[in-house]
């Protein structure tokens, strides 16, 4: 499991009652879905406000670095 996701899992469960267990693969999938939704929303907002991310290498670098931070494969496949 990615260290960042693992730390977030520990932070999120520190106040949970003892005996309550969520398998790590569910936390990993949960984090992946949050990251993908966040990236999608940023892209949507840029488009909505007339910002063309197709010519913006900084946009793609930020997306790639975000995905790498969470141990996800880059969605564009060329990073």
PDB file of N, CA and C in Angstrom:
ATOM      1  N   UNK A   1       0.848  -1.176   0.000  1.00  0.00           N
ATOM      2  CA  UNK A   1       0.000   0.000   0.000  1.00  0.00           C
ATOM      3  C   UNK A   1       0.892   1.238   0.000  1.00  0.00           C
ATOM      4  N   UNK A   2       0.492   2.243  -0.727  1.00  0.00           N
ATOM      5  CA  UNK A   2       1.197   3.516  -0.786  1.00  0.00           C
ATOM      6  C   UNK A   2       1.294   4.112   0.621  1.00  0.00           C
ATOM      7  N   UNK A   3       2.467   4.641   0.961  1.00  0.00           N
ATOM      8  CA  UNK A   3       2.707   5.185   2.309  1.00  0.00           C
ATOM      9  C   UNK A   3       1.759   6.338   2.652  1.00  0.00           C
ATOM     10  N   UNK A   4       1.463   7.174   1.675  1.00  0.00           N
ATOM     11  CA  UNK A   4       0.558   8.293   1.916  1.00  0.00           C
ATOM     12  C   UNK A   4      -0.842   7.789   2.250  1.00  0.00           C
ATOM     13  N   UNK A   5      -1.317   6.811   1.493  1.00  0.00           N
ATOM     14  CA  UNK A   5      -2.635   6.239   1.758  1.00  0.00           C
ATOM     15  C   UNK A   5      -2.642   5.543   3.120  1.00  0.00           C
ATOM     16  N   UNK A   6      -1.560   4.831   3.421  1.00  0.00           N
ATOM     17  CA  UNK A   6      -1.461   4.141   4.705  1.00  0.00           C
ATOM     18  C   UNK A   6      -1.531   5.129   5.866  1.00  0.00           C
ATOM     19  N   UNK A   7      -0.818   6.254   5.751  1.00  0.00           N
ATOM     20  CA  UNK A   7      -0.850   7.256   6.814  1.00  0.00           C
ATOM     21  C   UNK A   7      -2.239   7.879   6.940  1.00  0.00           C
ATOM     22  N   UNK A   8      -2.871   8.131   5.813  1.00  0.00           N
ATOM     23  CA  UNK A   8      -4.230   8.692   5.842  1.00  0.00           C
ATOM     24  C   UNK A   8      -5.196   7.709   6.495  1.00  0.00           C
ATOM     25  N   UNK A   9      -5.021   6.418   6.211  1.00  0.00           N
ATOM     26  CA  UNK A   9      -5.860   5.385   6.809  1.00  0.00           C
ATOM     27  C   UNK A   9      -5.685   5.389   8.325  1.00  0.00           C
ATOM     28  N   UNK A  10      -4.428   5.461   8.787  1.00  0.00           N
ATOM     29  CA  UNK A  10      -4.172   5.491  10.221  1.00  0.00           C
ATOM     30  C   UNK A  10      -4.786   6.735  10.866  1.00  0.00           C
ATOM     31  N   UNK A  11      -4.644   7.872  10.202  1.00  0.00           N
ATOM     32  CA  UNK A  11      -5.223   9.111  10.726  1.00  0.00           C
ATOM     33  C   UNK A  11      -6.750   9.023  10.802  1.00  0.00           C
ATOM     34  N   UNK A  12      -7.348   8.430   9.779  1.00  0.00           N
ATOM     35  CA  UNK A  12      -8.813   8.359   9.717  1.00  0.00           C
ATOM     36  C   UNK A  12      -9.401   7.391  10.740  1.00  0.00           C
ATOM     37  N   UNK A  13      -8.627   6.396  11.135  1.00  0.00           N
ATOM     38  CA  UNK A  13      -9.178   5.363  12.021  1.00  0.00           C
ATOM     39  C   UNK A  13      -8.703   5.469  13.462  1.00  0.00           C
ATOM     40  N   UNK A  14      -7.922   6.476  13.785  1.00  0.00           N
ATOM     41  CA  UNK A  14      -7.347   6.544  15.135  1.00  0.00           C
ATOM     42  C   UNK A  14      -8.403   6.659  16.240  1.00  0.00           C
ATOM     43  N   UNK A  15      -9.563   7.203  15.947  1.00  0.00           N
ATOM     44  CA  UNK A  15     -10.606   7.351  16.963  1.00  0.00           C
ATOM     45  C   UNK A  15     -11.729   6.325  16.823  1.00  0.00           C
ATOM     46  N   UNK A  16     -11.520   5.330  15.955  1.00  0.00           N
ATOM     47  CA  UNK A  16     -12.544   4.296  15.778  1.00  0.00           C
ATOM     48  C   UNK A  16     -12.562   3.374  16.992  1.00  0.00           C
ATOM     49  N   UNK A  17     -13.751   2.859  17.321  1.00  0.00           N
ATOM     50  CA  UNK A  17     -13.811   1.899  18.437  1.00  0.00           C
ATOM     51  C   UNK A  17     -12.970   0.662  18.133  1.00  0.00           C
ATOM     52  N   UNK A  18     -12.400   0.088  19.169  1.00  0.00           N
ATOM     53  CA  UNK A  18     -11.609  -1.131  19.003  1.00  0.00           C
ATOM     54  C   UNK A  18     -12.500  -2.250  18.483  1.00  0.00           C
ATOM     55  N   UNK A  19     -11.930  -3.071  17.643  1.00  0.00           N
ATOM     56  CA  UNK A  19     -12.679  -4.196  17.091  1.00  0.00           C
ATOM     57  C   UNK A  19     -13.316  -3.891  15.749  1.00  0.00           C
ATOM     58  N   UNK A  20     -13.369  -2.625  15.364  1.00  0.00           N
ATOM     59  CA  UNK A  20     -13.920  -2.268  14.063  1.00  0.00           C
ATOM     60  C   UNK A  20     -12.790  -2.288  13.064  1.00  0.00           C
ATOM     61  N   UNK A  21     -12.945  -3.063  11.994  1.00  0.00           N
ATOM     62  CA  UNK A  21     -11.852  -3.256  11.052  1.00  0.00           C
ATOM     63  C   UNK A  21     -12.329  -3.041   9.624  1.00  0.00           C
ATOM     64  N   UNK A  22     -11.560  -2.267   8.880  1.00  0.00           N
ATOM     65  CA  UNK A  22     -11.798  -2.082   7.451  1.00  0.00           C
ATOM     66  C   UNK A  22     -10.540  -2.572   6.746  1.00  0.00           C
ATOM     67  N   UNK A  23     -10.664  -3.570   5.868  1.00  0.00           N
ATOM     68  CA  UNK A  23      -9.476  -4.094   5.180  1.00  0.00           C
ATOM     69  C   UNK A  23      -8.757  -3.009   4.382  1.00  0.00           C
ATOM     70  N   UNK A  24      -7.421  -3.055   4.366  1.00  0.00           N
ATOM     71  CA  UNK A  24      -6.626  -2.025   3.683  1.00  0.00           C
ATOM     72  C   UNK A  24      -6.982  -1.830   2.215  1.00  0.00           C
ATOM     73  N   UNK A  25      -7.367  -2.875   1.500  1.00  0.00           N
ATOM     74  CA  UNK A  25      -7.685  -2.711   0.081  1.00  0.00           C
ATOM     75  C   UNK A  25      -8.890  -1.788  -0.125  1.00  0.00           C
ATOM     76  N   UNK A  26      -9.809  -1.721   0.851  1.00  0.00           N
ATOM     77  CA  UNK A  26     -10.938  -0.809   0.733  1.00  0.00           C
ATOM     78  C   UNK A  26     -10.487   0.639   0.911  1.00  0.00           C
ATOM     79  N   UNK A  27      -9.557   0.858   1.840  1.00  0.00           N
ATOM     80  CA  UNK A  27      -9.018   2.197   2.025  1.00  0.00           C
ATOM     81  C   UNK A  27      -8.262   2.641   0.783  1.00  0.00           C
ATOM     82  N   UNK A  28      -7.514   1.720   0.195  1.00  0.00           N
ATOM     83  CA  UNK A  28      -6.743   2.045  -0.999  1.00  0.00           C
ATOM     84  C   UNK A  28      -7.673   2.426  -2.151  1.00  0.00           C
ATOM     85  N   UNK A  29      -8.732   1.657  -2.329  1.00  0.00           N
ATOM     86  CA  UNK A  29      -9.701   1.961  -3.393  1.00  0.00           C
ATOM     87  C   UNK A  29     -10.402   3.286  -3.098  1.00  0.00           C
ATOM     88  N   UNK A  30     -10.741   3.530  -1.839  1.00  0.00           N
ATOM     89  CA  UNK A  30     -11.387   4.766  -1.433  1.00  0.00           C
ATOM     90  C   UNK A  30     -10.501   5.969  -1.775  1.00  0.00           C
ATOM     91  N   UNK A  31      -9.213   5.889  -1.439  1.00  0.00           N
ATOM     92  CA  UNK A  31      -8.277   6.974  -1.744  1.00  0.00           C
ATOM     93  C   UNK A  31      -8.145   7.164  -3.250  1.00  0.00           C
ATOM     94  N   UNK A  32      -8.076   6.061  -3.989  1.00  0.00           N
ATOM     95  CA  UNK A  32      -7.969   6.147  -5.447  1.00  0.00           C
ATOM     96  C   UNK A  32      -9.178   6.872  -6.036  1.00  0.00           C
ATOM     97  N   UNK A  33     -10.360   6.538  -5.552  1.00  0.00           N
ATOM     98  CA  UNK A  33     -11.572   7.191  -6.061  1.00  0.00           C
ATOM     99  C   UNK A  33     -11.599   8.677  -5.731  1.00  0.00           C
ATOM    100  N   UNK A  34     -11.138   9.041  -4.550  1.00  0.00           N
ATOM    101  CA  UNK A  34     -11.082  10.458  -4.177  1.00  0.00           C
ATOM    102  C   UNK A  34     -10.122  11.211  -5.099  1.00  0.00           C
ATOM    103  N   UNK A  35      -8.941  10.647  -5.326  1.00  0.00           N
ATOM    104  CA  UNK A  35      -7.961  11.310  -6.193  1.00  0.00           C
ATOM    105  C   UNK A  35      -8.511  11.463  -7.605  1.00  0.00           C
ATOM    106  N   UNK A  36      -9.087  10.405  -8.152  1.00  0.00           N
ATOM    107  CA  UNK A  36      -9.630  10.471  -9.511  1.00  0.00           C
ATOM    108  C   UNK A  36     -10.779  11.472  -9.613  1.00  0.00           C
ATOM    109  N   UNK A  37     -11.649  11.515  -8.611  1.00  0.00           N
ATOM    110  CA  UNK A  37     -12.758  12.471  -8.621  1.00  0.00           C
ATOM    111  C   UNK A  37     -12.233  13.901  -8.519  1.00  0.00           C
ATOM    112  N   UNK A  38     -11.225  14.106  -7.702  1.00  0.00           N
ATOM    113  CA  UNK A  38     -10.631  15.437  -7.555  1.00  0.00           C
ATOM    114  C   UNK A  38     -10.025  15.908  -8.870  1.00  0.00           C
ATOM    115  N   UNK A  39      -9.267  15.040  -9.520  1.00  0.00           N
ATOM    116  CA  UNK A  39      -8.666  15.377 -10.809  1.00  0.00           C
ATOM    117  C   UNK A  39      -9.743  15.685 -11.839  1.00  0.00           C
ATOM    118  N   UNK A  40     -10.789  14.882 -11.858  1.00  0.00           N
ATOM    119  CA  UNK A  40     -11.901  15.099 -12.787  1.00  0.00           C
ATOM    120  C   UNK A  40     -12.581  16.442 -12.532  1.00  0.00           C
ATOM    121  N   UNK A  41     -12.781  16.764 -11.273  1.00  0.00           N
ATOM    122  CA  UNK A  41     -13.444  18.028 -10.926  1.00  0.00           C
ATOM    123  C   UNK A  41     -12.588  19.221 -11.291  1.00  0.00           C
ATOM    124  N   UNK A  42     -11.288  19.143 -11.070  1.00  0.00           N
ATOM    125  CA  UNK A  42     -10.383  20.235 -11.448  1.00  0.00           C
ATOM    126  C   UNK A  42     -10.439  20.449 -12.957  1.00  0.00           C
ATOM    127  N   UNK A  43     -10.371  19.364 -13.702  1.00  0.00           N
ATOM    128  CA  UNK A  43     -10.435  19.447 -15.160  1.00  0.00           C
ATOM    129  C   UNK A  43     -11.759  20.065 -15.612  1.00  0.00           C
ATOM    130  N   UNK A  44     -12.847  19.625 -14.998  1.00  0.00           N
ATOM    131  CA  UNK A  44     -14.172  20.156 -15.338  1.00  0.00           C
ATOM    132  C   UNK A  44     -14.250  21.655 -15.052  1.00  0.00           C
ATOM    133  N   UNK A  45     -13.741  22.069 -13.900  1.00  0.00           N
ATOM    134  CA  UNK A  45     -13.785  23.490 -13.538  1.00  0.00           C
ATOM    135  C   UNK A  45     -12.926  24.330 -14.478  1.00  0.00           C
ATOM    136  N   UNK A  46     -11.782  23.810 -14.881  1.00  0.00           N
ATOM    137  CA  UNK A  46     -10.945  24.541 -15.834  1.00  0.00           C
ATOM    138  C   UNK A  46     -11.691  24.726 -17.146  1.00  0.00           C
ATOM    139  N   UNK A  47     -12.309  23.670 -17.630  1.00  0.00           N
ATOM    140  CA  UNK A  47     -13.071  23.743 -18.879  1.00  0.00           C
ATOM    141  C   UNK A  47     -14.243  24.715 -18.736  1.00  0.00           C
ATOM    142  N   UNK A  48     -14.953  24.615 -17.611  1.00  0.00           N
ATOM    143  CA  UNK A  48     -16.120  25.467 -17.351  1.00  0.00           C
ATOM    144  C   UNK A  48     -15.739  26.950 -17.349  1.00  0.00           C
ATOM    145  N   UNK A  49     -14.536  27.256 -16.889  1.00  0.00           N
ATOM    146  CA  UNK A  49     -14.078  28.649 -16.816  1.00  0.00           C
ATOM    147  C   UNK A  49     -13.247  29.059 -18.027  1.00  0.00           C
ATOM    148  N   UNK A  50     -13.267  28.217 -19.064  1.00  0.00           N
ATOM    149  CA  UNK A  50     -12.626  28.574 -20.315  1.00  0.00           C
ATOM    150  C   UNK A  50     -11.122  28.414 -20.340  1.00  0.00           C
ATOM    151  N   UNK A  51     -10.593  27.627 -19.427  1.00  0.00           N
ATOM    152  CA  UNK A  51      -9.150  27.399 -19.408  1.00  0.00           C
ATOM    153  C   UNK A  51      -8.887  26.095 -20.160  1.00  0.00           C
ATOM    154  N   UNK A  52      -8.128  26.183 -21.213  1.00  0.00           N
ATOM    155  CA  UNK A  52      -7.852  25.018 -22.051  1.00  0.00           C
ATOM    156  C   UNK A  52      -6.648  24.262 -21.508  1.00  0.00           C
ATOM    157  N   UNK A  53      -6.908  23.153 -20.790  1.00  0.00           N
ATOM    158  CA  UNK A  53      -5.808  22.398 -20.222  1.00  0.00           C
ATOM    159  C   UNK A  53      -5.047  21.585 -21.267  1.00  0.00           C
ATOM    160  N   UNK A  54      -5.588  21.462 -22.482  1.00  0.00           N
ATOM    161  CA  UNK A  54      -4.929  20.648 -23.503  1.00  0.00           C
ATOM    162  C   UNK A  54      -3.572  21.223 -23.911  1.00  0.00           C
ATOM    163  N   UNK A  55      -3.367  22.520 -23.715  1.00  0.00           N
ATOM    164  CA  UNK A  55      -2.090  23.150 -24.057  1.00  0.00           C
ATOM    165  C   UNK A  55      -1.321  23.583 -22.821  1.00  0.00           C
ATOM    166  N   UNK A  56      -1.644  23.015 -21.696  1.00  0.00           N
ATOM    167  CA  UNK A  56      -1.051  23.476 -20.453  1.00  0.00           C
ATOM    168  C   UNK A  56      -0.211  22.357 -19.823  1.00  0.00           C
ATOM    169  N   UNK A  57       1.098  22.333 -20.116  1.00  0.00           N
ATOM    170  CA  UNK A  57       1.935  21.260 -19.569  1.00  0.00           C
ATOM    171  C   UNK A  57       1.990  21.268 -18.041  1.00  0.00           C
ATOM    172  N   UNK A  58       1.832  22.425 -17.423  1.00  0.00           N
ATOM    173  CA  UNK A  58       1.836  22.477 -15.952  1.00  0.00           C
ATOM    174  C   UNK A  58       0.621  21.754 -15.374  1.00  0.00           C
ATOM    175  N   UNK A  59      -0.510  21.836 -16.077  1.00  0.00           N
ATOM    176  CA  UNK A  59      -1.705  21.117 -15.643  1.00  0.00           C
ATOM    177  C   UNK A  59      -1.419  19.615 -15.637  1.00  0.00           C
ATOM    178  N   UNK A  60      -0.856  19.112 -16.739  1.00  0.00           N
ATOM    179  CA  UNK A  60      -0.576  17.681 -16.824  1.00  0.00           C
ATOM    180  C   UNK A  60       0.493  17.246 -15.825  1.00  0.00           C
ATOM    181  N   UNK A  61       1.487  18.089 -15.600  1.00  0.00           N
ATOM    182  CA  UNK A  61       2.506  17.758 -14.612  1.00  0.00           C
ATOM    183  C   UNK A  61       1.877  17.672 -13.223  1.00  0.00           C
ATOM    184  N   UNK A  62       1.003  18.589 -12.893  1.00  0.00           N
ATOM    185  CA  UNK A  62       0.331  18.562 -11.589  1.00  0.00           C
ATOM    186  C   UNK A  62      -0.521  17.301 -11.434  1.00  0.00           C
ATOM    187  N   UNK A  63      -1.234  16.924 -12.490  1.00  0.00           N
ATOM    188  CA  UNK A  63      -2.058  15.712 -12.453  1.00  0.00           C
ATOM    189  C   UNK A  63      -1.156  14.492 -12.266  1.00  0.00           C
ATOM    190  N   UNK A  64      -0.094  14.404 -13.060  1.00  0.00           N
ATOM    191  CA  UNK A  64       0.820  13.262 -12.976  1.00  0.00           C
ATOM    192  C   UNK A  64       1.449  13.145 -11.586  1.00  0.00           C
ATOM    193  N   UNK A  65       1.885  14.275 -11.035  1.00  0.00           N
ATOM    194  CA  UNK A  65       2.520  14.260  -9.717  1.00  0.00           C
ATOM    195  C   UNK A  65       1.519  13.877  -8.626  1.00  0.00           C
ATOM    196  N   UNK A  66       0.279  14.329  -8.755  1.00  0.00           N
ATOM    197  CA  UNK A  66      -0.755  13.956  -7.794  1.00  0.00           C
ATOM    198  C   UNK A  66      -0.988  12.455  -7.832  1.00  0.00           C
ATOM    199  N   UNK A  67      -1.111  11.901  -9.027  1.00  0.00           N
ATOM    200  CA  UNK A  67      -1.322  10.460  -9.160  1.00  0.00           C
ATOM    201  C   UNK A  67      -0.120   9.684  -8.611  1.00  0.00           C
ATOM    202  N   UNK A  68       1.077  10.137  -8.901  1.00  0.00           N
ATOM    203  CA  UNK A  68       2.279   9.461  -8.396  1.00  0.00           C
ATOM    204  C   UNK A  68       2.330   9.488  -6.871  1.00  0.00           C
ATOM    205  N   UNK A  69       1.928  10.611  -6.277  1.00  0.00           N
ATOM    206  CA  UNK A  69       1.945  10.735  -4.821  1.00  0.00           C
ATOM    207  C   UNK A  69       1.097   9.663  -4.152  1.00  0.00           C
ATOM    208  N   UNK A  70       0.022   9.281  -4.828  1.00  0.00           N
ATOM    209  CA  UNK A  70      -0.879   8.277  -4.269  1.00  0.00           C
ATOM    210  C   UNK A  70      -0.618   6.890  -4.838  1.00  0.00           C
ATOM    211  N   UNK A  71       0.463   6.749  -5.602  1.00  0.00           N
ATOM    212  CA  UNK A  71       0.818   5.449  -6.135  1.00  0.00           C
ATOM    213  C   UNK A  71      -0.083   4.965  -7.242  1.00  0.00           C
ATOM    214  N   UNK A  72      -0.714   5.890  -7.947  1.00  0.00           N
ATOM    215  CA  UNK A  72      -1.607   5.517  -9.040  1.00  0.00           C
ATOM    216  C   UNK A  72      -0.861   5.614 -10.364  1.00  0.00           C
ATOM    217  N   UNK A  73      -1.260   4.777 -11.302  1.00  0.00           N
ATOM    218  CA  UNK A  73      -0.704   4.884 -12.653  1.00  0.00           C
ATOM    219  C   UNK A  73      -1.192   6.183 -13.261  1.00  0.00           C
ATOM    220  N   UNK A  74      -0.341   6.863 -13.979  1.00  0.00           N
ATOM    221  CA  UNK A  74      -0.730   8.122 -14.596  1.00  0.00           C
ATOM    222  C   UNK A  74      -1.840   7.877 -15.595  1.00  0.00           C
ATOM    223  N   UNK A  75      -2.873   8.671 -15.521  1.00  0.00           N
ATOM    224  CA  UNK A  75      -4.048   8.464 -16.362  1.00  0.00           C
ATOM    225  C   UNK A  75      -3.778   8.733 -17.833  1.00  0.00           C
ATOM    226  N   UNK A  76      -2.748   9.533 -18.129  1.00  0.00           N
ATOM    227  CA  UNK A  76      -2.441   9.829 -19.527  1.00  0.00           C
ATOM    228  C   UNK A  76      -1.501   8.803 -20.118  1.00  0.00           C
ATOM    229  N   UNK A  77      -0.815   8.076 -19.272  1.00  0.00           N
ATOM    230  CA  UNK A  77       0.039   7.008 -19.727  1.00  0.00           C
ATOM    231  C   UNK A  77       1.355   7.415 -20.359  1.00  0.00           C
ATOM    232  N   UNK A  78       1.669   8.702 -20.383  1.00  0.00           N
ATOM    233  CA  UNK A  78       2.917   9.114 -21.018  1.00  0.00           C
ATOM    234  C   UNK A  78       3.857   9.841 -20.063  1.00  0.00           C
ATOM    235  N   UNK A  79       3.595   9.736 -18.785  1.00  0.00           N
ATOM    236  CA  UNK A  79       4.459  10.446 -17.819  1.00  0.00           C
ATOM    237  C   UNK A  79       5.624   9.595 -17.411  1.00  0.00           C
TER     238      UNK A  79
END
